[in-house]
Amino acid sequence: MKTLERVRHAITMRLAKHSEETLLGVKKAQACIYHLHALGCTVTQVTVRHHNVCIDVEPPKGRLTGVRSVQRVNGPYQERVMVTRCLGCQVQWVERYDLRPASVRA
């Protein structure tokens, strides 16, 4: 029975640590959302994991600093995925450009 008690204790301690990390992530997300709102950004989605917070926003009107981008082609569109760090959170958005000739666009 001692082994089972040790396993239960280990699981309880791990879950407590995971909960603390998740709560810290929620607090970081909240601070970042307030900061982004002050910059005029519109937050569309927040994902909190115990090791990372990811916030999706609409393309901001101003520039956020430290932005990295990845370009990809999605059918007739070119998409640029923009990513930066803000107050310990990952902030990302997608800029989309239509590659079709102007005469074909609806």
Protein backbone atom coordinates (compact mmCIF):
# COMPACT_ATOMS: atom_id res chain seq x y z
CA MET A 1 0.00 0.00 0.00
CA LYS A 2 2.91 2.36 0.54
CA THR A 3 3.68 2.33 -3.20
CA LEU A 4 0.09 3.21 -4.12
CA GLU A 5 0.11 6.08 -1.62
CA ARG A 6 3.36 7.38 -3.12
CA VAL A 7 1.87 7.24 -6.60
CA ARG A 8 -1.25 9.11 -5.46
CA HIS A 9 0.89 11.73 -3.75
CA ALA A 10 3.07 12.15 -6.85
CA ILE A 11 0.00 12.58 -9.07
CA THR A 12 -1.52 15.11 -6.66
CA MET A 13 1.70 17.13 -6.56
CA ARG A 14 2.01 17.08 -10.36
CA LEU A 15 -1.58 18.25 -10.83
CA ALA A 16 -1.07 21.02 -8.28
CA LYS A 17 2.04 22.22 -10.12
CA HIS A 18 0.22 22.04 -13.46
CA SER A 19 -2.68 24.07 -12.03
CA GLU A 20 -0.30 26.72 -10.70
CA GLU A 21 1.41 26.99 -14.11
CA THR A 22 -1.96 27.29 -15.86
CA LEU A 23 -3.11 29.97 -13.42
CA LEU A 24 0.11 31.90 -14.05
CA GLY A 25 -0.58 31.60 -17.79
CA VAL A 26 -4.08 33.01 -17.33
CA LYS A 27 -2.66 35.98 -15.41
CA LYS A 28 -0.07 36.61 -18.16
CA ALA A 29 -2.81 36.38 -20.79
CA GLN A 30 -4.96 38.88 -18.93
CA ALA A 31 -2.13 41.41 -18.68
CA CYS A 32 -1.27 40.95 -22.36
CA ILE A 33 -4.91 41.33 -23.45
CA TYR A 34 -5.17 44.64 -21.57
CA HIS A 35 -1.91 45.80 -23.20
CA LEU A 36 -3.05 44.77 -26.69
CA HIS A 37 -6.41 46.47 -26.14
CA ALA A 38 -4.59 49.69 -25.21
CA LEU A 39 -2.67 49.40 -28.51
CA GLY A 40 -5.96 49.11 -30.42
CA CYS A 41 -5.75 45.38 -31.21
CA THR A 42 -8.81 43.14 -31.41
CA VAL A 43 -8.29 39.79 -29.67
CA THR A 44 -10.05 36.89 -31.41
CA GLN A 45 -8.81 33.86 -29.49
CA VAL A 46 -6.73 32.99 -26.42
CA THR A 47 -5.13 29.59 -25.84
CA VAL A 48 -3.61 28.98 -22.41
CA ARG A 49 -1.40 25.98 -21.86
CA HIS A 50 0.69 25.46 -18.78
CA HIS A 51 3.88 26.34 -20.67
CA ASN A 52 2.68 28.81 -23.33
CA VAL A 53 0.01 31.42 -23.93
CA CYS A 54 -1.01 32.10 -27.53
CA ILE A 55 -3.23 35.07 -28.41
CA ASP A 56 -4.72 35.50 -31.89
CA VAL A 57 -5.58 39.04 -32.96
CA GLU A 58 -6.97 40.76 -36.02
CA PRO A 59 -4.19 42.40 -38.07
CA PRO A 60 -3.22 45.41 -35.93
CA LYS A 61 -3.42 48.92 -37.33
CA GLY A 62 -0.06 49.83 -35.79
CA ARG A 63 3.08 47.77 -35.77
CA LEU A 64 4.03 45.52 -32.91
CA THR A 65 7.78 45.20 -32.37
CA GLY A 66 9.87 42.08 -32.91
CA VAL A 67 7.57 40.56 -35.51
CA ARG A 68 8.59 37.47 -37.46
CA SER A 69 6.64 36.22 -40.42
CA VAL A 70 6.12 33.07 -42.44
CA GLN A 71 4.65 33.25 -45.95
CA ARG A 72 2.46 30.57 -47.45
CA VAL A 73 0.19 30.26 -50.47
CA ASN A 74 -3.36 29.09 -49.86
CA GLY A 75 -5.16 28.72 -53.18
CA PRO A 76 -5.46 32.14 -54.84
CA TYR A 77 -4.25 33.90 -51.69
CA GLN A 78 -0.86 34.60 -50.23
CA GLU A 79 -0.95 34.53 -46.45
CA ARG A 80 1.65 35.97 -44.13
CA VAL A 81 1.51 34.61 -40.58
CA MET A 82 2.92 37.25 -38.24
CA VAL A 83 4.17 36.28 -34.77
CA THR A 84 5.66 38.28 -31.89
CA ARG A 85 6.10 38.04 -28.12
CA CYS A 86 4.30 40.47 -25.85
CA LEU A 87 4.52 40.37 -22.04
CA GLY A 88 5.55 36.71 -22.14
CA CYS A 89 2.76 35.66 -24.52
CA GLN A 90 2.85 34.68 -28.19
CA VAL A 91 0.74 37.06 -30.27
CA GLN A 92 -0.11 36.13 -33.85
CA TRP A 93 -2.25 37.20 -36.79
CA VAL A 94 -2.65 36.43 -40.49
CA GLU A 95 -2.37 38.98 -43.29
CA ARG A 96 -4.00 37.79 -46.52
CA TYR A 97 -3.37 39.07 -50.05
CA ASP A 98 -5.38 38.15 -53.14
CA LEU A 99 -3.07 36.95 -55.95
CA ARG A 100 -5.79 36.86 -58.62
CA PRO A 101 -5.84 39.56 -61.28
CA ALA A 102 -8.15 42.48 -60.48
CA SER A 103 -10.42 41.54 -63.41
CA VAL A 104 -11.17 38.13 -61.84
CA ARG A 105 -11.88 39.29 -58.27
CA ALA A 106 -15.51 39.49 -57.28
